């Protein structure tokens, strides 16, 4: 088989696996929608390709899930302010870049979403643990069968695939699906 065919076949398997987690996807959308109804914030984080997925997901929830005449979802990607990220990495340590941003921003009832292909990114784990310990609901989007994030988050959507590119592809699809579900719920309210 060719690389193209192998990649597409594996991606198709990921999508089938995702379909089997429909209830979990609906539950994650419900967690975000419930936070929205209470005026709570959604914080999203990840490294590398997952950092850009976090940015994209935040945009989708803030802009793409908007319904005419309704307030927007209060969403922040913790990956977007490079001055803050690099200052924290330099002055404290890289494993603290998301946790430190949550300090002073996070309130009980907010939602923190960690995106990690391996499920073992130390800075994501530290921030999710901080969020959980401070009354936030936590969500993990993971591959590689979940890693540590799977059990640390209140709710995780887990892929068994261990190819970073394919897991990242599916995480972006999940961001879109969840945003569409949230938009649908906001429009109906």
N, C-alpha and C. Protein backbone atom coordinates (compact mmCIF):
# COMPACT_ATOMS: atom_id res chain seq x y z
N UNK A 1 0.83 -1.20 0.00
CA UNK A 1 0.00 0.00 0.00
C UNK A 1 0.87 1.25 0.00
N UNK A 2 0.31 2.31 -0.46
CA UNK A 2 1.03 3.58 -0.48
C UNK A 2 0.86 4.31 0.84
N UNK A 3 1.75 5.24 1.11
CA UNK A 3 1.65 6.07 2.31
C UNK A 3 0.32 6.79 2.36
N UNK A 4 -0.13 7.31 1.23
CA UNK A 4 -1.40 8.04 1.17
C UNK A 4 -2.54 7.12 1.60
N UNK A 5 -2.58 5.94 1.02
CA UNK A 5 -3.66 5.00 1.33
C UNK A 5 -3.59 4.55 2.79
N UNK A 6 -2.38 4.27 3.28
CA UNK A 6 -2.22 3.86 4.67
C UNK A 6 -2.72 4.94 5.64
N UNK A 7 -2.34 6.18 5.35
CA UNK A 7 -2.74 7.28 6.23
C UNK A 7 -4.25 7.43 6.24
N UNK A 8 -4.84 7.43 5.07
CA UNK A 8 -6.30 7.59 4.97
C UNK A 8 -7.03 6.42 5.62
N UNK A 9 -6.53 5.21 5.43
CA UNK A 9 -7.15 4.05 6.07
C UNK A 9 -7.09 4.16 7.60
N UNK A 10 -5.95 4.58 8.12
CA UNK A 10 -5.82 4.74 9.57
C UNK A 10 -6.72 5.86 10.08
N UNK A 11 -6.82 6.93 9.31
CA UNK A 11 -7.70 8.04 9.69
C UNK A 11 -9.16 7.58 9.71
N UNK A 12 -9.53 6.74 8.76
CA UNK A 12 -10.88 6.19 8.73
C UNK A 12 -11.15 5.34 9.98
N UNK A 13 -10.15 4.59 10.40
CA UNK A 13 -10.30 3.80 11.63
C UNK A 13 -10.49 4.71 12.84
N UNK A 14 -9.76 5.82 12.86
CA UNK A 14 -9.93 6.80 13.95
C UNK A 14 -11.35 7.36 13.97
N UNK A 15 -11.86 7.68 12.80
CA UNK A 15 -13.22 8.23 12.71
C UNK A 15 -14.25 7.21 13.18
N UNK A 16 -14.05 5.94 12.84
CA UNK A 16 -14.95 4.89 13.32
C UNK A 16 -14.90 4.78 14.84
N UNK A 17 -13.69 4.88 15.38
CA UNK A 17 -13.53 4.83 16.83
C UNK A 17 -14.22 6.03 17.48
N UNK A 18 -14.12 7.17 16.84
CA UNK A 18 -14.76 8.38 17.34
C UNK A 18 -16.28 8.22 17.34
N UNK A 19 -16.82 7.63 16.31
CA UNK A 19 -18.25 7.41 16.22
C UNK A 19 -18.75 6.55 17.39
N UNK A 20 -17.92 5.62 17.83
CA UNK A 20 -18.31 4.76 18.96
C UNK A 20 -18.33 5.53 20.28
N UNK A 21 -17.82 6.78 20.28
CA UNK A 21 -17.78 7.61 21.49
C UNK A 21 -18.77 8.76 21.41
N UNK A 22 -19.81 8.57 20.63
CA UNK A 22 -20.79 9.64 20.43
C UNK A 22 -21.35 10.18 21.75
N UNK A 23 -21.66 9.29 22.69
CA UNK A 23 -22.20 9.74 23.97
C UNK A 23 -21.21 10.63 24.72
N UNK A 24 -19.94 10.26 24.68
CA UNK A 24 -18.92 11.08 25.35
C UNK A 24 -18.80 12.45 24.69
N UNK A 25 -18.89 12.49 23.37
CA UNK A 25 -18.82 13.76 22.64
C UNK A 25 -20.00 14.64 23.03
N UNK A 26 -21.18 14.05 23.07
CA UNK A 26 -22.39 14.79 23.49
C UNK A 26 -22.24 15.30 24.93
N UNK A 27 -21.65 14.47 25.78
CA UNK A 27 -21.45 14.86 27.18
C UNK A 27 -20.49 16.04 27.29
N UNK A 28 -19.41 16.02 26.53
CA UNK A 28 -18.46 17.14 26.53
C UNK A 28 -19.15 18.42 26.07
N UNK A 29 -19.92 18.33 24.99
CA UNK A 29 -20.67 19.50 24.51
C UNK A 29 -21.62 19.99 25.60
N UNK A 30 -22.23 19.07 26.32
CA UNK A 30 -23.13 19.44 27.41
C UNK A 30 -22.41 20.14 28.55
N UNK A 31 -21.21 19.69 28.87
CA UNK A 31 -20.42 20.33 29.92
C UNK A 31 -20.10 21.78 29.53
N UNK A 32 -19.74 21.98 28.28
CA UNK A 32 -19.42 23.32 27.80
C UNK A 32 -20.68 24.19 27.78
N UNK A 33 -21.77 23.63 27.30
CA UNK A 33 -23.03 24.39 27.24
C UNK A 33 -23.51 24.76 28.64
N UNK A 34 -23.42 23.83 29.58
CA UNK A 34 -23.83 24.14 30.96
C UNK A 34 -22.99 25.27 31.54
N UNK A 35 -21.69 25.24 31.28
CA UNK A 35 -20.81 26.32 31.74
C UNK A 35 -21.22 27.64 31.08
N UNK A 36 -21.52 27.59 29.79
CA UNK A 36 -21.97 28.78 29.05
C UNK A 36 -23.22 29.38 29.71
N UNK A 37 -24.19 28.53 30.03
CA UNK A 37 -25.44 29.01 30.63
C UNK A 37 -25.20 29.69 31.98
N UNK A 38 -24.16 29.28 32.66
CA UNK A 38 -23.83 29.85 33.98
C UNK A 38 -22.87 31.03 33.86
N UNK A 39 -22.51 31.41 32.63
CA UNK A 39 -21.58 32.53 32.43
C UNK A 39 -20.15 32.18 32.78
N UNK A 40 -19.82 30.91 32.77
CA UNK A 40 -18.48 30.46 33.10
C UNK A 40 -17.58 30.50 31.87
N UNK A 41 -16.28 30.34 32.10
CA UNK A 41 -15.29 30.40 31.03
C UNK A 41 -14.80 29.00 30.64
N UNK A 42 -14.32 28.91 29.41
CA UNK A 42 -13.72 27.69 28.89
C UNK A 42 -12.26 28.02 28.59
N UNK A 43 -11.34 27.25 29.16
CA UNK A 43 -9.91 27.42 28.91
C UNK A 43 -9.40 26.18 28.18
N UNK A 44 -8.63 26.39 27.10
CA UNK A 44 -8.15 25.29 26.28
C UNK A 44 -6.63 25.39 26.13
N UNK A 45 -5.95 24.23 26.18
CA UNK A 45 -4.49 24.25 26.10
C UNK A 45 -3.96 23.00 25.42
N UNK A 46 -2.75 23.12 24.87
CA UNK A 46 -2.05 22.00 24.26
C UNK A 46 -0.69 22.47 23.76
N UNK A 47 0.17 21.54 23.39
CA UNK A 47 1.52 21.84 22.90
C UNK A 47 1.64 21.50 21.42
N UNK A 48 2.56 22.16 20.72
CA UNK A 48 2.83 21.83 19.33
C UNK A 48 1.58 21.93 18.47
N UNK A 49 1.29 20.86 17.73
CA UNK A 49 0.08 20.84 16.91
C UNK A 49 -1.17 21.00 17.75
N UNK A 50 -1.14 20.48 18.96
CA UNK A 50 -2.29 20.62 19.87
C UNK A 50 -2.47 22.07 20.33
N UNK A 51 -1.39 22.85 20.31
CA UNK A 51 -1.51 24.28 20.65
C UNK A 51 -2.34 24.99 19.59
N UNK A 52 -2.10 24.66 18.33
CA UNK A 52 -2.89 25.30 17.28
C UNK A 52 -4.32 24.77 17.29
N UNK A 53 -4.51 23.51 17.67
CA UNK A 53 -5.87 22.99 17.82
C UNK A 53 -6.58 23.74 18.95
N UNK A 54 -5.88 24.02 20.03
CA UNK A 54 -6.47 24.79 21.13
C UNK A 54 -6.91 26.17 20.66
N UNK A 55 -6.07 26.83 19.87
CA UNK A 55 -6.43 28.15 19.33
C UNK A 55 -7.65 28.05 18.42
N UNK A 56 -7.64 27.04 17.57
CA UNK A 56 -8.74 26.86 16.61
C UNK A 56 -10.04 26.53 17.36
N UNK A 57 -9.95 25.66 18.34
CA UNK A 57 -11.12 25.28 19.13
C UNK A 57 -11.69 26.48 19.86
N UNK A 58 -10.83 27.31 20.44
CA UNK A 58 -11.29 28.52 21.13
C UNK A 58 -12.01 29.45 20.16
N UNK A 59 -11.47 29.61 18.96
CA UNK A 59 -12.12 30.42 17.94
C UNK A 59 -13.47 29.85 17.57
N UNK A 60 -13.52 28.53 17.40
CA UNK A 60 -14.78 27.88 17.02
C UNK A 60 -15.85 28.05 18.09
N UNK A 61 -15.47 27.92 19.35
CA UNK A 61 -16.46 28.10 20.42
C UNK A 61 -16.89 29.56 20.56
N UNK A 62 -15.94 30.47 20.40
CA UNK A 62 -16.25 31.90 20.58
C UNK A 62 -17.01 32.48 19.38
N UNK A 63 -16.60 32.13 18.17
CA UNK A 63 -17.18 32.71 16.96
C UNK A 63 -18.11 31.72 16.25
N UNK A 64 -17.63 30.51 16.04
CA UNK A 64 -18.39 29.52 15.29
C UNK A 64 -19.64 29.03 16.00
N UNK A 65 -19.63 29.03 17.34
CA UNK A 65 -20.80 28.58 18.09
C UNK A 65 -21.76 29.72 18.41
N UNK A 66 -21.44 30.91 17.93
CA UNK A 66 -22.29 32.07 18.22
C UNK A 66 -23.65 31.93 17.53
N UNK A 67 -24.68 32.30 18.26
CA UNK A 67 -26.04 32.31 17.71
C UNK A 67 -26.57 33.74 17.81
N UNK A 68 -27.26 34.17 16.78
CA UNK A 68 -27.75 35.55 16.71
C UNK A 68 -28.58 35.91 17.94
N UNK A 69 -28.20 37.05 18.54
CA UNK A 69 -28.93 37.55 19.69
C UNK A 69 -28.56 36.90 21.01
N UNK A 70 -27.59 36.02 21.00
CA UNK A 70 -27.19 35.31 22.23
C UNK A 70 -25.76 35.71 22.60
N UNK A 71 -25.44 35.70 23.89
CA UNK A 71 -24.06 35.97 24.29
C UNK A 71 -23.12 34.91 23.70
N UNK A 72 -21.88 35.26 23.55
CA UNK A 72 -20.89 34.31 23.02
C UNK A 72 -20.31 33.46 24.16
N UNK A 73 -19.80 32.31 23.78
CA UNK A 73 -19.12 31.45 24.74
C UNK A 73 -17.82 32.14 25.16
N UNK A 74 -17.59 32.24 26.44
CA UNK A 74 -16.39 32.89 26.97
C UNK A 74 -15.25 31.87 26.94
N UNK A 75 -14.42 31.98 25.91
CA UNK A 75 -13.39 30.97 25.65
C UNK A 75 -12.02 31.62 25.50
N UNK A 76 -11.01 30.98 26.09
CA UNK A 76 -9.63 31.45 25.97
C UNK A 76 -8.71 30.27 25.67
N UNK A 77 -7.87 30.43 24.68
CA UNK A 77 -6.80 29.47 24.44
C UNK A 77 -5.57 29.95 25.20
N UNK A 78 -5.07 29.12 26.09
CA UNK A 78 -3.90 29.49 26.88
C UNK A 78 -2.61 29.43 26.08
N UNK A 79 -2.71 29.08 24.81
CA UNK A 79 -1.52 29.00 23.95
C UNK A 79 -1.31 30.28 23.14
N UNK A 80 -2.23 31.21 23.19
CA UNK A 80 -2.25 32.30 22.22
C UNK A 80 -1.38 33.52 22.55
N UNK A 81 -1.03 33.73 23.79
CA UNK A 81 -0.23 34.91 24.12
C UNK A 81 1.23 34.49 24.28
N UNK A 82 1.98 34.59 23.20
CA UNK A 82 3.36 34.11 23.18
C UNK A 82 4.24 34.84 24.19
N UNK A 83 3.95 36.12 24.45
CA UNK A 83 4.74 36.85 25.45
C UNK A 83 4.54 36.24 26.84
N UNK A 84 3.31 35.91 27.18
CA UNK A 84 3.03 35.29 28.48
C UNK A 84 3.64 33.89 28.54
N UNK A 85 3.42 33.09 27.50
CA UNK A 85 3.93 31.72 27.48
C UNK A 85 5.45 31.70 27.64
N UNK A 86 6.15 32.53 26.88
CA UNK A 86 7.62 32.51 26.94
C UNK A 86 8.14 33.11 28.24
N UNK A 87 7.46 34.12 28.78
CA UNK A 87 7.88 34.67 30.07
C UNK A 87 7.75 33.62 31.17
N UNK A 88 6.63 32.91 31.18
CA UNK A 88 6.44 31.86 32.19
C UNK A 88 7.45 30.74 32.02
N UNK A 89 7.69 30.34 30.78
CA UNK A 89 8.65 29.27 30.52
C UNK A 89 10.05 29.68 30.96
N UNK A 90 10.41 30.93 30.71
CA UNK A 90 11.74 31.44 31.05
C UNK A 90 11.89 31.71 32.55
N UNK A 91 10.89 32.36 33.13
CA UNK A 91 11.00 32.83 34.51
C UNK A 91 10.61 31.79 35.55
N UNK A 92 9.76 30.85 35.19
CA UNK A 92 9.33 29.81 36.14
C UNK A 92 9.79 28.47 35.60
N UNK A 93 9.03 27.87 34.71
CA UNK A 93 9.44 26.69 33.96
C UNK A 93 8.34 26.33 32.97
N UNK A 94 8.74 25.60 31.94
CA UNK A 94 7.80 25.29 30.85
C UNK A 94 6.63 24.45 31.35
N UNK A 95 6.83 23.62 32.34
CA UNK A 95 5.74 22.78 32.84
C UNK A 95 4.66 23.57 33.55
N UNK A 96 4.92 24.85 33.82
CA UNK A 96 3.95 25.70 34.54
C UNK A 96 3.20 26.68 33.64
N UNK A 97 3.46 26.68 32.33
CA UNK A 97 2.93 27.75 31.48
C UNK A 97 1.42 27.84 31.46
N UNK A 98 0.71 26.74 31.59
CA UNK A 98 -0.75 26.79 31.57
C UNK A 98 -1.31 26.94 32.98
N UNK A 99 -0.74 26.23 33.93
CA UNK A 99 -1.18 26.35 35.32
C UNK A 99 -1.07 27.80 35.80
N UNK A 100 0.06 28.45 35.53
CA UNK A 100 0.27 29.83 35.97
C UNK A 100 -0.75 30.78 35.35
N UNK A 101 -1.15 30.52 34.11
CA UNK A 101 -2.16 31.38 33.48
C UNK A 101 -3.53 31.19 34.12
N UNK A 102 -3.81 29.97 34.57
CA UNK A 102 -5.10 29.71 35.21
C UNK A 102 -5.22 30.39 36.57
N UNK A 103 -4.07 30.59 37.23
CA UNK A 103 -4.09 31.26 38.54
C UNK A 103 -4.61 32.68 38.36
N UNK A 104 -5.62 33.01 39.07
CA UNK A 104 -6.20 34.35 38.97
C UNK A 104 -7.28 34.48 37.91
N UNK A 105 -7.39 33.50 37.02
CA UNK A 105 -8.43 33.53 35.98
C UNK A 105 -9.53 32.50 36.24
N UNK A 106 -9.14 31.35 36.71
CA UNK A 106 -10.04 30.22 36.85
C UNK A 106 -10.97 30.38 38.04
N UNK A 107 -12.24 30.14 37.81
CA UNK A 107 -13.24 30.12 38.88
C UNK A 107 -13.87 28.74 38.93
N UNK A 108 -14.38 28.39 40.09
CA UNK A 108 -15.11 27.13 40.21
C UNK A 108 -16.24 27.12 39.18
N UNK A 109 -16.44 26.00 38.53
CA UNK A 109 -17.48 25.88 37.51
C UNK A 109 -17.01 26.17 36.11
N UNK A 110 -15.82 26.74 35.96
CA UNK A 110 -15.24 26.91 34.63
C UNK A 110 -14.88 25.53 34.07
N UNK A 111 -14.52 25.50 32.80
CA UNK A 111 -14.13 24.25 32.15
C UNK A 111 -12.71 24.41 31.62
N UNK A 112 -11.86 23.43 31.89
CA UNK A 112 -10.50 23.41 31.36
C UNK A 112 -10.37 22.19 30.45
N UNK A 113 -9.95 22.45 29.22
CA UNK A 113 -9.80 21.38 28.22
C UNK A 113 -8.32 21.23 27.89
N UNK A 114 -7.81 20.04 28.13
CA UNK A 114 -6.43 19.72 27.79
C UNK A 114 -6.39 18.84 26.56
N UNK A 115 -5.60 19.26 25.57
CA UNK A 115 -5.44 18.49 24.34
C UNK A 115 -4.01 17.97 24.31
N UNK A 116 -3.87 16.65 24.26
CA UNK A 116 -2.54 16.05 24.27
C UNK A 116 -2.61 14.73 23.52
N UNK A 117 -1.89 14.63 22.42
CA UNK A 117 -1.91 13.39 21.64
C UNK A 117 -1.50 12.20 22.52
N UNK A 118 -0.44 12.36 23.29
CA UNK A 118 0.06 11.26 24.13
C UNK A 118 -0.70 11.14 25.44
N UNK A 119 -1.31 12.25 25.87
CA UNK A 119 -1.96 12.27 27.17
C UNK A 119 -0.99 12.44 28.32
N UNK A 120 0.27 12.76 28.00
CA UNK A 120 1.30 12.84 29.03
C UNK A 120 2.07 14.15 29.03
N UNK A 121 1.55 15.19 28.44
CA UNK A 121 2.24 16.49 28.43
C UNK A 121 2.25 17.07 29.84
N UNK A 122 3.43 17.23 30.45
CA UNK A 122 3.49 17.68 31.85
C UNK A 122 2.78 19.01 32.10
N UNK A 123 2.90 19.97 31.19
CA UNK A 123 2.26 21.27 31.44
C UNK A 123 0.74 21.19 31.35
N UNK A 124 0.23 20.32 30.48
CA UNK A 124 -1.22 20.12 30.39
C UNK A 124 -1.71 19.39 31.64
N UNK A 125 -1.00 18.35 32.05
CA UNK A 125 -1.38 17.60 33.24
C UNK A 125 -1.40 18.50 34.48
N UNK A 126 -0.39 19.32 34.62
CA UNK A 126 -0.32 20.20 35.79
C UNK A 126 -1.49 21.19 35.80
N UNK A 127 -1.82 21.74 34.65
CA UNK A 127 -2.92 22.70 34.58
C UNK A 127 -4.27 22.02 34.83
N UNK A 128 -4.46 20.83 34.27
CA UNK A 128 -5.72 20.12 34.48
C UNK A 128 -5.87 19.75 35.95
N UNK A 129 -4.79 19.33 36.57
CA UNK A 129 -4.84 19.02 38.01
C UNK A 129 -5.18 20.27 38.82
N UNK A 130 -4.54 21.39 38.48
CA UNK A 130 -4.84 22.65 39.16
C UNK A 130 -6.32 23.02 38.99
N UNK A 131 -6.81 22.92 37.76
CA UNK A 131 -8.21 23.26 37.48
C UNK A 131 -9.15 22.37 38.28
N UNK A 132 -8.88 21.10 38.26
CA UNK A 132 -9.72 20.14 38.98
C UNK A 132 -9.72 20.44 40.48
N UNK A 133 -8.54 20.73 41.03
CA UNK A 133 -8.42 21.02 42.46
C UNK A 133 -9.07 22.34 42.85
N UNK A 134 -9.37 23.18 41.86
CA UNK A 134 -9.98 24.48 42.14
C UNK A 134 -11.41 24.57 41.63
N UNK A 135 -12.06 23.44 41.49
CA UNK A 135 -13.50 23.42 41.23
C UNK A 135 -13.93 23.51 39.78
N UNK A 136 -12.99 23.42 38.85
CA UNK A 136 -13.36 23.45 37.44
C UNK A 136 -13.68 22.04 36.95
N UNK A 137 -14.48 21.96 35.91
CA UNK A 137 -14.69 20.69 35.21
C UNK A 137 -13.55 20.54 34.22
N UNK A 138 -13.06 19.33 34.06
CA UNK A 138 -11.91 19.12 33.19
C UNK A 138 -12.21 18.08 32.11
N UNK A 139 -11.68 18.35 30.93
CA UNK A 139 -11.90 17.52 29.76
C UNK A 139 -10.54 17.23 29.12
N UNK A 140 -10.36 15.99 28.69
CA UNK A 140 -9.15 15.62 27.97
C UNK A 140 -9.49 15.11 26.58
N UNK A 141 -8.76 15.60 25.60
CA UNK A 141 -8.81 15.06 24.24
C UNK A 141 -7.46 14.40 24.01
N UNK A 142 -7.44 13.07 23.91
CA UNK A 142 -6.18 12.35 23.89
C UNK A 142 -6.16 11.22 22.86
N UNK A 143 -4.95 10.80 22.52
CA UNK A 143 -4.71 9.63 21.69
C UNK A 143 -3.89 8.65 22.49
N UNK A 144 -3.18 7.75 21.81
CA UNK A 144 -2.24 6.83 22.45
C UNK A 144 -2.89 6.07 23.62
N UNK A 145 -4.18 5.81 23.56
CA UNK A 145 -4.95 5.16 24.62
C UNK A 145 -5.09 5.98 25.89
N UNK A 146 -4.75 7.25 25.85
CA UNK A 146 -5.10 8.16 26.94
C UNK A 146 -4.02 8.68 27.83
N UNK A 147 -2.95 7.96 28.04
CA UNK A 147 -1.92 8.44 28.95
C UNK A 147 -2.48 8.82 30.31
N UNK A 148 -1.79 9.68 31.03
CA UNK A 148 -2.20 10.11 32.36
C UNK A 148 -3.43 11.03 32.33
N UNK A 149 -3.58 11.78 31.24
CA UNK A 149 -4.69 12.73 31.15
C UNK A 149 -6.05 12.03 31.16
N UNK A 150 -6.10 10.85 30.59
CA UNK A 150 -7.35 10.10 30.53
C UNK A 150 -8.01 9.97 31.90
N UNK A 151 -7.21 9.63 32.90
CA UNK A 151 -7.76 9.43 34.23
C UNK A 151 -7.84 10.71 35.05
N UNK A 152 -7.01 11.68 34.72
CA UNK A 152 -6.98 12.92 35.49
C UNK A 152 -8.19 13.80 35.19
N UNK A 153 -8.61 13.85 33.94
CA UNK A 153 -9.74 14.69 33.54
C UNK A 153 -11.06 14.05 33.98
N UNK A 154 -12.05 14.90 34.26
CA UNK A 154 -13.38 14.39 34.58
C UNK A 154 -13.95 13.57 33.43
N UNK A 155 -13.72 14.04 32.21
CA UNK A 155 -14.24 13.36 31.02
C UNK A 155 -13.17 13.41 29.95
N UNK A 156 -12.90 12.27 29.32
CA UNK A 156 -11.91 12.22 28.24
C UNK A 156 -12.48 11.53 27.02
N UNK A 157 -12.09 12.02 25.88
CA UNK A 157 -12.36 11.35 24.61
C UNK A 157 -11.01 10.80 24.16
N UNK A 158 -10.94 9.48 24.05
CA UNK A 158 -9.66 8.79 23.88
C UNK A 158 -9.63 8.02 22.57
N UNK A 159 -8.56 8.24 21.83
CA UNK A 159 -8.29 7.45 20.63
C UNK A 159 -7.19 6.45 20.93
N UNK A 160 -7.26 5.28 20.32
CA UNK A 160 -6.20 4.29 20.53
C UNK A 160 -5.01 4.54 19.60
N UNK A 161 -5.20 5.30 18.55
CA UNK A 161 -4.16 5.56 17.56
C UNK A 161 -2.95 6.24 18.21
N UNK A 162 -1.74 5.89 17.74
CA UNK A 162 -0.53 6.50 18.30
C UNK A 162 0.30 7.22 17.23
N UNK A 163 -0.37 7.72 16.21
CA UNK A 163 0.28 8.56 15.20
C UNK A 163 -0.11 10.01 15.50
N UNK A 164 0.89 10.83 15.81
CA UNK A 164 0.59 12.21 16.21
C UNK A 164 -0.27 12.95 15.18
N UNK A 165 0.09 12.83 13.90
CA UNK A 165 -0.66 13.55 12.87
C UNK A 165 -2.11 13.14 12.81
N UNK A 166 -2.37 11.85 12.86
CA UNK A 166 -3.75 11.37 12.77
C UNK A 166 -4.55 11.74 14.02
N UNK A 167 -3.93 11.64 15.19
CA UNK A 167 -4.62 12.05 16.42
C UNK A 167 -4.94 13.54 16.35
N UNK A 168 -3.98 14.35 15.90
CA UNK A 168 -4.23 15.79 15.79
C UNK A 168 -5.33 16.09 14.77
N UNK A 169 -5.37 15.34 13.66
CA UNK A 169 -6.45 15.50 12.68
C UNK A 169 -7.81 15.28 13.34
N UNK A 170 -7.92 14.21 14.11
CA UNK A 170 -9.19 13.88 14.75
C UNK A 170 -9.54 14.89 15.84
N UNK A 171 -8.55 15.39 16.56
CA UNK A 171 -8.83 16.40 17.58
C UNK A 171 -9.43 17.66 16.95
N UNK A 172 -8.93 18.04 15.79
CA UNK A 172 -9.51 19.20 15.11
C UNK A 172 -10.94 18.91 14.68
N UNK A 173 -11.19 17.71 14.17
CA UNK A 173 -12.56 17.32 13.82
C UNK A 173 -13.46 17.36 15.06
N UNK A 174 -12.94 16.88 16.18
CA UNK A 174 -13.70 16.93 17.44
C UNK A 174 -14.04 18.36 17.84
N UNK A 175 -13.07 19.26 17.69
CA UNK A 175 -13.32 20.66 18.01
C UNK A 175 -14.48 21.20 17.18
N UNK A 176 -14.52 20.84 15.92
CA UNK A 176 -15.63 21.29 15.06
C UNK A 176 -16.95 20.66 15.50
N UNK A 177 -16.95 19.35 15.70
CA UNK A 177 -18.18 18.66 16.09
C UNK A 177 -18.73 19.24 17.39
N UNK A 178 -17.88 19.38 18.38
CA UNK A 178 -18.32 19.90 19.68
C UNK A 178 -18.84 21.32 19.54
N UNK A 179 -18.16 22.14 18.76
CA UNK A 179 -18.61 23.53 18.55
C UNK A 179 -19.98 23.56 17.88
N UNK A 180 -20.20 22.69 16.90
CA UNK A 180 -21.51 22.63 16.24
C UNK A 180 -22.59 22.22 17.24
N UNK A 181 -22.28 21.24 18.10
CA UNK A 181 -23.25 20.81 19.09
C UNK A 181 -23.57 21.93 20.07
N UNK A 182 -22.56 22.66 20.50
CA UNK A 182 -22.77 23.78 21.42
C UNK A 182 -23.61 24.85 20.74
N UNK A 183 -23.28 25.18 19.49
CA UNK A 183 -24.06 26.19 18.76
C UNK A 183 -25.52 25.78 18.67
N UNK A 184 -25.77 24.52 18.35
CA UNK A 184 -27.14 24.02 18.24
C UNK A 184 -27.89 24.20 19.55
N UNK A 185 -27.24 23.91 20.67
CA UNK A 185 -27.88 24.07 21.99
C UNK A 185 -28.11 25.53 22.33
N UNK A 186 -27.15 26.38 21.99
CA UNK A 186 -27.33 27.82 22.27
C UNK A 186 -28.49 28.37 21.45
N UNK A 187 -28.57 27.99 20.19
CA UNK A 187 -29.64 28.49 19.32
C UNK A 187 -31.02 28.06 19.80
N UNK A 188 -31.11 26.89 20.39
CA UNK A 188 -32.40 26.37 20.86
C UNK A 188 -32.83 26.95 22.20
N UNK A 189 -31.86 27.52 22.94
CA UNK A 189 -32.19 28.03 24.28
C UNK A 189 -33.06 29.26 24.21
